[in-house]
Amino acid sequence: MSVTRYEPWSLHRDLWNEMGRALERMQQSDDASSGATADWVPPVDIEESKDRFVIYADVSGIDPSSIDVTLENGVLTLSGSREGQVEQQDAAERRRVERARGRFYRRFTLPDTADADNVSARGNNGVLEIVIPKRAASQPRRISVAA
């Protein structure tokens, strides 16, 4: 007897995710390279502190050195691919496949406060960490008024 997990809202969640992706593709229709080349989109967390932004992208199963991270005209782009497993004749039957395969592509518009010259990226345990320092902001100063 096989035990399966009952998830009554999974179809509802899948429908919302698919609708969100469709709306995102419509909004980005002026950029034909975004939706047309991506099979999936890595989920990200974005943190902001007073001196930097940090983007954490889940890219498990992908060699960090094979991920293209580019920055051009204030737009940070992540792209790469996760290849499918090679099928073998005596391979086990797959019961569930949830990890996306194929090319991924994700773009972020950086604010004016970002220091584009000092962006760094590193991969660790399936998470790509991109650190974007902020430019040193000019400190307000008091101006004396002459009488």
N, C-alpha and C. Protein backbone atom coordinates (compact mmCIF):
# COMPACT_ATOMS: atom_id res chain seq x y z
N MET A 1 0.84 -1.17 0.00
CA MET A 1 0.00 0.00 0.00
C MET A 1 0.89 1.24 0.00
N SER A 2 0.54 2.15 -0.84
CA SER A 2 1.31 3.38 -0.96
C SER A 2 0.64 4.49 -0.15
N VAL A 3 1.43 5.24 0.59
CA VAL A 3 0.92 6.36 1.37
C VAL A 3 1.21 7.64 0.61
N THR A 4 0.17 8.42 0.38
CA THR A 4 0.36 9.71 -0.29
C THR A 4 -0.07 10.82 0.64
N ARG A 5 0.60 11.92 0.52
CA ARG A 5 0.33 13.08 1.37
C ARG A 5 -0.86 13.84 0.81
N TYR A 6 -1.82 14.13 1.67
CA TYR A 6 -3.02 14.85 1.27
C TYR A 6 -2.78 16.35 1.41
N GLU A 7 -2.83 17.04 0.31
CA GLU A 7 -2.65 18.49 0.29
C GLU A 7 -3.83 19.10 -0.46
N PRO A 8 -4.90 19.44 0.26
CA PRO A 8 -6.11 19.90 -0.42
C PRO A 8 -5.96 21.22 -1.18
N TRP A 9 -5.02 22.05 -0.81
CA TRP A 9 -4.87 23.36 -1.45
C TRP A 9 -3.75 23.39 -2.48
N SER A 10 -3.15 22.25 -2.78
CA SER A 10 -2.02 22.26 -3.72
C SER A 10 -2.43 22.71 -5.12
N LEU A 11 -3.58 22.26 -5.60
CA LEU A 11 -4.02 22.69 -6.94
C LEU A 11 -4.34 24.18 -6.95
N HIS A 12 -4.91 24.66 -5.88
CA HIS A 12 -5.21 26.09 -5.77
C HIS A 12 -3.92 26.91 -5.80
N ARG A 13 -2.93 26.47 -5.03
CA ARG A 13 -1.64 27.15 -4.99
C ARG A 13 -0.96 27.10 -6.37
N ASP A 14 -1.01 25.96 -7.03
CA ASP A 14 -0.41 25.84 -8.36
C ASP A 14 -1.08 26.78 -9.36
N LEU A 15 -2.41 26.88 -9.27
CA LEU A 15 -3.14 27.77 -10.16
C LEU A 15 -2.71 29.22 -9.94
N TRP A 16 -2.62 29.65 -8.67
CA TRP A 16 -2.18 31.01 -8.37
C TRP A 16 -0.76 31.26 -8.86
N ASN A 17 0.14 30.29 -8.66
CA ASN A 17 1.52 30.44 -9.13
C ASN A 17 1.57 30.59 -10.64
N GLU A 18 0.79 29.78 -11.35
CA GLU A 18 0.78 29.83 -12.81
C GLU A 18 0.20 31.16 -13.30
N MET A 19 -0.85 31.63 -12.64
CA MET A 19 -1.43 32.93 -13.01
C MET A 19 -0.43 34.06 -12.76
N GLY A 20 0.30 33.97 -11.64
CA GLY A 20 1.31 34.99 -11.36
C GLY A 20 2.40 35.02 -12.40
N ARG A 21 2.85 33.84 -12.82
CA ARG A 21 3.89 33.78 -13.86
C ARG A 21 3.37 34.34 -15.18
N ALA A 22 2.10 34.05 -15.51
CA ALA A 22 1.52 34.57 -16.75
C ALA A 22 1.43 36.09 -16.71
N LEU A 23 0.99 36.64 -15.58
CA LEU A 23 0.92 38.09 -15.45
C LEU A 23 2.30 38.73 -15.51
N GLU A 24 3.28 38.09 -14.90
CA GLU A 24 4.65 38.62 -14.94
C GLU A 24 5.18 38.63 -16.37
N ARG A 25 4.89 37.59 -17.13
CA ARG A 25 5.32 37.55 -18.53
C ARG A 25 4.65 38.66 -19.34
N MET A 26 3.37 38.94 -19.05
CA MET A 26 2.67 40.00 -19.77
C MET A 26 3.26 41.35 -19.43
N GLN A 27 3.63 41.57 -18.17
CA GLN A 27 4.21 42.85 -17.77
C GLN A 27 5.59 43.05 -18.37
N GLN A 28 6.30 41.97 -18.61
CA GLN A 28 7.64 42.06 -19.17
C GLN A 28 7.65 41.81 -20.66
N SER A 29 6.53 42.02 -21.32
CA SER A 29 6.43 41.70 -22.74
C SER A 29 7.38 42.53 -23.59
N ASP A 30 7.80 43.70 -23.10
CA ASP A 30 8.74 44.51 -23.87
C ASP A 30 10.14 43.91 -23.87
N ASP A 31 10.43 43.01 -22.95
CA ASP A 31 11.72 42.34 -22.88
C ASP A 31 11.53 40.88 -23.28
N ALA A 32 11.69 40.61 -24.55
CA ALA A 32 11.41 39.26 -25.06
C ALA A 32 12.36 38.22 -24.51
N SER A 33 13.51 38.63 -23.97
CA SER A 33 14.49 37.65 -23.52
C SER A 33 14.18 37.07 -22.15
N SER A 34 13.24 37.63 -21.40
CA SER A 34 13.01 37.14 -20.04
C SER A 34 12.19 35.87 -20.01
N GLY A 35 10.94 35.90 -20.42
CA GLY A 35 10.10 34.73 -20.33
C GLY A 35 10.39 33.70 -21.41
N ALA A 36 10.91 34.14 -22.54
CA ALA A 36 11.12 33.23 -23.65
C ALA A 36 12.26 32.25 -23.40
N THR A 37 13.23 32.64 -22.60
CA THR A 37 14.39 31.78 -22.41
C THR A 37 14.39 31.04 -21.07
N ALA A 38 13.40 31.32 -20.21
CA ALA A 38 13.41 30.73 -18.87
C ALA A 38 12.39 29.60 -18.76
N ASP A 39 12.85 28.47 -18.24
CA ASP A 39 11.95 27.37 -17.93
C ASP A 39 11.47 27.44 -16.49
N TRP A 40 12.26 28.10 -15.66
CA TRP A 40 11.90 28.26 -14.24
C TRP A 40 12.60 29.48 -13.68
N VAL A 41 12.17 29.91 -12.49
CA VAL A 41 12.72 31.10 -11.85
C VAL A 41 13.15 30.70 -10.44
N PRO A 42 14.42 30.92 -10.08
CA PRO A 42 14.84 30.57 -8.71
C PRO A 42 14.21 31.51 -7.69
N PRO A 43 13.72 30.96 -6.57
CA PRO A 43 13.19 31.83 -5.52
C PRO A 43 14.32 32.58 -4.84
N VAL A 44 14.05 33.81 -4.42
CA VAL A 44 15.07 34.65 -3.80
C VAL A 44 14.55 35.30 -2.52
N ASP A 45 15.49 35.64 -1.65
CA ASP A 45 15.25 36.50 -0.49
C ASP A 45 16.13 37.72 -0.70
N ILE A 46 15.61 38.89 -0.40
CA ILE A 46 16.39 40.12 -0.54
C ILE A 46 16.39 40.83 0.80
N GLU A 47 17.59 41.13 1.28
CA GLU A 47 17.75 41.84 2.55
C GLU A 47 18.42 43.18 2.29
N GLU A 48 18.03 44.17 3.09
CA GLU A 48 18.66 45.48 2.99
C GLU A 48 19.10 45.92 4.38
N SER A 49 20.37 46.28 4.48
CA SER A 49 20.88 46.86 5.71
C SER A 49 21.32 48.28 5.36
N LYS A 50 21.89 48.98 6.34
CA LYS A 50 22.22 50.38 6.07
C LYS A 50 23.39 50.54 5.09
N ASP A 51 24.21 49.50 4.93
CA ASP A 51 25.37 49.63 4.05
C ASP A 51 25.37 48.70 2.83
N ARG A 52 24.33 47.83 2.69
CA ARG A 52 24.34 46.91 1.55
C ARG A 52 22.98 46.24 1.36
N PHE A 53 22.84 45.66 0.14
CA PHE A 53 21.73 44.78 -0.18
C PHE A 53 22.33 43.38 -0.33
N VAL A 54 21.57 42.36 0.04
CA VAL A 54 22.02 40.98 -0.16
C VAL A 54 20.88 40.20 -0.79
N ILE A 55 21.17 39.52 -1.88
CA ILE A 55 20.20 38.66 -2.55
C ILE A 55 20.63 37.22 -2.35
N TYR A 56 19.72 36.38 -1.85
CA TYR A 56 19.97 34.95 -1.68
C TYR A 56 19.07 34.22 -2.68
N ALA A 57 19.66 33.49 -3.60
CA ALA A 57 18.89 32.75 -4.61
C ALA A 57 19.09 31.26 -4.39
N ASP A 58 18.00 30.50 -4.34
CA ASP A 58 18.07 29.05 -4.19
C ASP A 58 18.34 28.42 -5.55
N VAL A 59 19.54 27.88 -5.69
CA VAL A 59 19.95 27.25 -6.95
C VAL A 59 20.59 25.89 -6.65
N SER A 60 19.89 25.09 -5.87
CA SER A 60 20.45 23.79 -5.48
C SER A 60 20.69 22.92 -6.71
N GLY A 61 21.76 22.16 -6.64
CA GLY A 61 22.10 21.25 -7.72
C GLY A 61 22.80 21.91 -8.90
N ILE A 62 23.17 23.17 -8.76
CA ILE A 62 23.84 23.90 -9.85
C ILE A 62 25.20 24.35 -9.36
N ASP A 63 26.23 24.08 -10.15
CA ASP A 63 27.58 24.53 -9.82
C ASP A 63 27.60 26.07 -9.85
N PRO A 64 27.97 26.72 -8.75
CA PRO A 64 27.97 28.19 -8.72
C PRO A 64 28.81 28.83 -9.82
N SER A 65 29.88 28.17 -10.23
CA SER A 65 30.73 28.76 -11.27
C SER A 65 30.05 28.74 -12.65
N SER A 66 28.98 27.96 -12.81
CA SER A 66 28.29 27.92 -14.10
C SER A 66 27.14 28.92 -14.17
N ILE A 67 26.89 29.67 -13.10
CA ILE A 67 25.82 30.67 -13.09
C ILE A 67 26.37 31.99 -13.60
N ASP A 68 25.68 32.59 -14.55
CA ASP A 68 26.08 33.89 -15.08
C ASP A 68 25.42 34.99 -14.27
N VAL A 69 26.23 35.83 -13.66
CA VAL A 69 25.74 37.00 -12.93
C VAL A 69 26.30 38.21 -13.64
N THR A 70 25.42 39.03 -14.22
CA THR A 70 25.87 40.21 -14.95
C THR A 70 25.16 41.44 -14.41
N LEU A 71 25.83 42.57 -14.56
CA LEU A 71 25.27 43.85 -14.14
C LEU A 71 25.51 44.85 -15.25
N GLU A 72 24.40 45.35 -15.81
CA GLU A 72 24.51 46.29 -16.91
C GLU A 72 23.38 47.31 -16.80
N ASN A 73 23.74 48.57 -16.85
CA ASN A 73 22.78 49.68 -16.79
C ASN A 73 21.84 49.58 -15.59
N GLY A 74 22.39 49.20 -14.44
CA GLY A 74 21.59 49.13 -13.22
C GLY A 74 20.70 47.92 -13.10
N VAL A 75 20.86 46.93 -13.98
CA VAL A 75 20.04 45.72 -13.94
C VAL A 75 20.94 44.51 -13.67
N LEU A 76 20.68 43.82 -12.57
CA LEU A 76 21.42 42.62 -12.20
C LEU A 76 20.68 41.42 -12.79
N THR A 77 21.41 40.57 -13.52
CA THR A 77 20.79 39.42 -14.18
C THR A 77 21.45 38.13 -13.72
N LEU A 78 20.63 37.15 -13.35
CA LEU A 78 21.09 35.81 -13.01
C LEU A 78 20.58 34.86 -14.08
N SER A 79 21.46 34.01 -14.61
CA SER A 79 21.00 33.03 -15.59
C SER A 79 21.88 31.79 -15.51
N GLY A 80 21.33 30.69 -15.92
CA GLY A 80 22.03 29.42 -15.92
C GLY A 80 21.05 28.30 -16.22
N SER A 81 21.43 27.08 -15.89
CA SER A 81 20.51 25.97 -16.14
C SER A 81 20.78 24.83 -15.17
N ARG A 82 19.73 24.08 -14.92
CA ARG A 82 19.81 22.85 -14.13
C ARG A 82 19.41 21.74 -15.09
N GLU A 83 20.36 20.86 -15.35
CA GLU A 83 20.13 19.80 -16.31
C GLU A 83 19.38 18.64 -15.67
N GLY A 84 18.58 17.96 -16.47
CA GLY A 84 17.86 16.79 -15.99
C GLY A 84 18.80 15.61 -15.84
N GLN A 85 18.37 14.63 -15.07
CA GLN A 85 19.18 13.43 -14.87
C GLN A 85 19.11 12.57 -16.13
N VAL A 86 20.21 11.92 -16.42
CA VAL A 86 20.27 11.04 -17.57
C VAL A 86 19.49 9.77 -17.24
N GLU A 87 18.57 9.42 -18.14
CA GLU A 87 17.75 8.23 -17.92
C GLU A 87 18.57 6.97 -18.20
N GLN A 88 18.45 6.01 -17.31
CA GLN A 88 19.10 4.72 -17.49
C GLN A 88 18.02 3.68 -17.70
N GLN A 89 18.37 2.60 -18.38
CA GLN A 89 17.37 1.59 -18.69
C GLN A 89 16.84 0.92 -17.43
N ASP A 90 17.67 0.67 -16.45
CA ASP A 90 17.22 0.01 -15.23
C ASP A 90 16.98 1.00 -14.10
N ALA A 91 16.66 2.25 -14.44
CA ALA A 91 16.45 3.29 -13.43
C ALA A 91 15.13 3.05 -12.69
N ALA A 92 15.09 3.54 -11.48
CA ALA A 92 13.88 3.42 -10.67
C ALA A 92 12.78 4.31 -11.24
N GLU A 93 11.56 3.91 -11.01
CA GLU A 93 10.42 4.70 -11.46
C GLU A 93 10.28 5.93 -10.57
N ARG A 94 10.12 7.08 -11.20
CA ARG A 94 9.98 8.32 -10.43
C ARG A 94 8.53 8.47 -9.99
N ARG A 95 8.35 8.70 -8.71
CA ARG A 95 7.02 8.88 -8.15
C ARG A 95 6.61 10.35 -8.13
N ARG A 96 7.59 11.23 -7.97
CA ARG A 96 7.30 12.66 -7.91
C ARG A 96 8.53 13.43 -8.42
N VAL A 97 8.29 14.42 -9.23
CA VAL A 97 9.36 15.29 -9.72
C VAL A 97 8.91 16.73 -9.45
N GLU A 98 9.57 17.39 -8.51
CA GLU A 98 9.20 18.75 -8.14
C GLU A 98 10.27 19.78 -8.45
N ARG A 99 11.51 19.35 -8.61
CA ARG A 99 12.58 20.30 -8.87
C ARG A 99 12.59 20.65 -10.35
N ALA A 100 12.55 21.93 -10.64
CA ALA A 100 12.49 22.40 -12.02
C ALA A 100 13.80 22.11 -12.75
N ARG A 101 13.70 21.88 -14.01
CA ARG A 101 14.85 21.61 -14.87
C ARG A 101 14.86 22.61 -16.02
N GLY A 102 16.03 22.78 -16.61
CA GLY A 102 16.16 23.67 -17.76
C GLY A 102 16.78 25.00 -17.38
N ARG A 103 16.60 25.98 -18.27
CA ARG A 103 17.21 27.30 -18.09
C ARG A 103 16.43 28.14 -17.09
N PHE A 104 17.17 28.96 -16.33
CA PHE A 104 16.53 29.94 -15.48
C PHE A 104 17.07 31.32 -15.81
N TYR A 105 16.29 32.33 -15.48
CA TYR A 105 16.64 33.70 -15.83
C TYR A 105 15.89 34.60 -14.85
N ARG A 106 16.60 35.50 -14.20
CA ARG A 106 15.98 36.40 -13.22
C ARG A 106 16.69 37.73 -13.29
N ARG A 107 15.93 38.83 -13.27
CA ARG A 107 16.50 40.17 -13.36
C ARG A 107 16.01 41.03 -12.20
N PHE A 108 16.90 41.92 -11.75
CA PHE A 108 16.60 42.84 -10.66
C PHE A 108 17.09 44.23 -11.04
N THR A 109 16.25 45.22 -10.89
CA THR A 109 16.65 46.60 -11.11
C THR A 109 17.20 47.14 -9.80
N LEU A 110 18.44 47.59 -9.84
CA LEU A 110 19.09 48.09 -8.63
C LEU A 110 18.77 49.57 -8.42
N PRO A 111 18.64 49.97 -7.17
CA PRO A 111 18.39 51.39 -6.90
C PRO A 111 19.65 52.23 -7.17
N ASP A 112 19.47 53.54 -7.21
CA ASP A 112 20.59 54.44 -7.47
C ASP A 112 21.64 54.39 -6.37
N THR A 113 21.26 53.95 -5.18
CA THR A 113 22.21 53.91 -4.06
C THR A 113 23.17 52.73 -4.15
N ALA A 114 22.94 51.79 -5.07
CA ALA A 114 23.80 50.61 -5.19
C ALA A 114 25.15 50.98 -5.80
N ASP A 115 26.21 50.38 -5.26
CA ASP A 115 27.57 50.58 -5.77
C ASP A 115 27.85 49.45 -6.76
N ALA A 116 27.59 49.69 -8.02
CA ALA A 116 27.70 48.65 -9.05
C ALA A 116 29.12 48.15 -9.26
N ASP A 117 30.11 48.92 -8.86
CA ASP A 117 31.51 48.53 -9.07
C ASP A 117 32.00 47.49 -8.08
N ASN A 118 31.32 47.30 -6.97
CA ASN A 118 31.81 46.41 -5.93
C ASN A 118 30.86 45.26 -5.60
N VAL A 119 30.06 44.82 -6.56
CA VAL A 119 29.14 43.70 -6.35
C VAL A 119 29.95 42.40 -6.32
N SER A 120 29.61 41.51 -5.38
CA SER A 120 30.29 40.21 -5.30
C SER A 120 29.25 39.11 -5.17
N ALA A 121 29.63 37.91 -5.62
CA ALA A 121 28.72 36.76 -5.55
C ALA A 121 29.51 35.52 -5.16
N ARG A 122 28.85 34.64 -4.37
CA ARG A 122 29.47 33.37 -4.02
C ARG A 122 28.36 32.36 -3.77
N GLY A 123 28.68 31.11 -4.02
CA GLY A 123 27.73 30.03 -3.81
C GLY A 123 28.14 29.17 -2.64
N ASN A 124 27.14 28.75 -1.83
CA ASN A 124 27.41 27.91 -0.68
C ASN A 124 26.15 27.10 -0.36
N ASN A 125 26.29 25.77 -0.33
CA ASN A 125 25.19 24.88 0.03
C ASN A 125 23.93 25.10 -0.80
N GLY A 126 24.07 25.32 -2.10
CA GLY A 126 22.92 25.48 -2.97
C GLY A 126 22.28 26.86 -2.96
N VAL A 127 22.91 27.82 -2.28
CA VAL A 127 22.39 29.18 -2.22
C VAL A 127 23.43 30.12 -2.81
N LEU A 128 23.01 30.91 -3.79
CA LEU A 128 23.87 31.93 -4.38
C LEU A 128 23.64 33.22 -3.60
N GLU A 129 24.72 33.77 -3.03
CA GLU A 129 24.64 35.00 -2.26
C GLU A 129 25.29 36.12 -3.05
N ILE A 130 24.52 37.16 -3.33
CA ILE A 130 25.02 38.31 -4.08
C ILE A 130 24.98 39.52 -3.15
N VAL A 131 26.14 40.11 -2.90
CA VAL A 131 26.25 41.26 -2.01
C VAL A 131 26.43 42.51 -2.86
N ILE A 132 25.54 43.48 -2.65
CA ILE A 132 25.56 44.72 -3.41
C ILE A 132 25.74 45.86 -2.39
N PRO A 133 26.97 46.38 -2.26
CA PRO A 133 27.17 47.47 -1.30
C PRO A 133 26.47 48.75 -1.76
N LYS A 134 26.16 49.59 -0.79
CA LYS A 134 25.57 50.89 -1.10
C LYS A 134 26.69 51.92 -1.19
N ARG A 135 26.48 52.93 -1.99
CA ARG A 135 27.43 54.03 -2.08
C ARG A 135 27.43 54.80 -0.77
N ALA A 136 28.57 55.35 -0.44
CA ALA A 136 28.66 56.18 0.76
C ALA A 136 27.79 57.41 0.54
N ALA A 137 26.79 57.55 1.37
CA ALA A 137 25.87 58.67 1.23
C ALA A 137 26.52 59.93 1.79
N SER A 138 26.23 61.03 1.17
CA SER A 138 26.77 62.28 1.70
C SER A 138 26.02 62.61 2.97
N GLN A 139 26.77 62.92 4.00
CA GLN A 139 26.19 63.22 5.30
C GLN A 139 25.67 64.67 5.31
N PRO A 140 24.52 64.88 5.91
CA PRO A 140 24.05 66.27 5.99
C PRO A 140 24.98 67.09 6.87
N ARG A 141 25.17 68.31 6.51
CA ARG A 141 26.04 69.17 7.31
C ARG A 141 25.31 70.47 7.60
N ARG A 142 25.71 71.05 8.70
CA ARG A 142 25.08 72.30 9.12
C ARG A 142 25.79 73.46 8.44
N ILE A 143 25.01 74.34 7.89
CA ILE A 143 25.56 75.51 7.20
C ILE A 143 25.22 76.73 8.06
N SER A 144 26.26 77.43 8.42
CA SER A 144 26.03 78.62 9.24
C SER A 144 25.58 79.78 8.36
N VAL A 145 24.70 80.55 8.88
CA VAL A 145 24.16 81.69 8.14
C VAL A 145 24.83 82.94 8.67
N ALA A 146 25.44 83.67 7.77
CA ALA A 146 26.12 84.92 8.15
C ALA A 146 25.11 86.03 8.34
N ALA A 147 25.33 86.87 9.33
CA ALA A 147 24.41 87.98 9.59
C ALA A 147 24.87 89.25 8.94
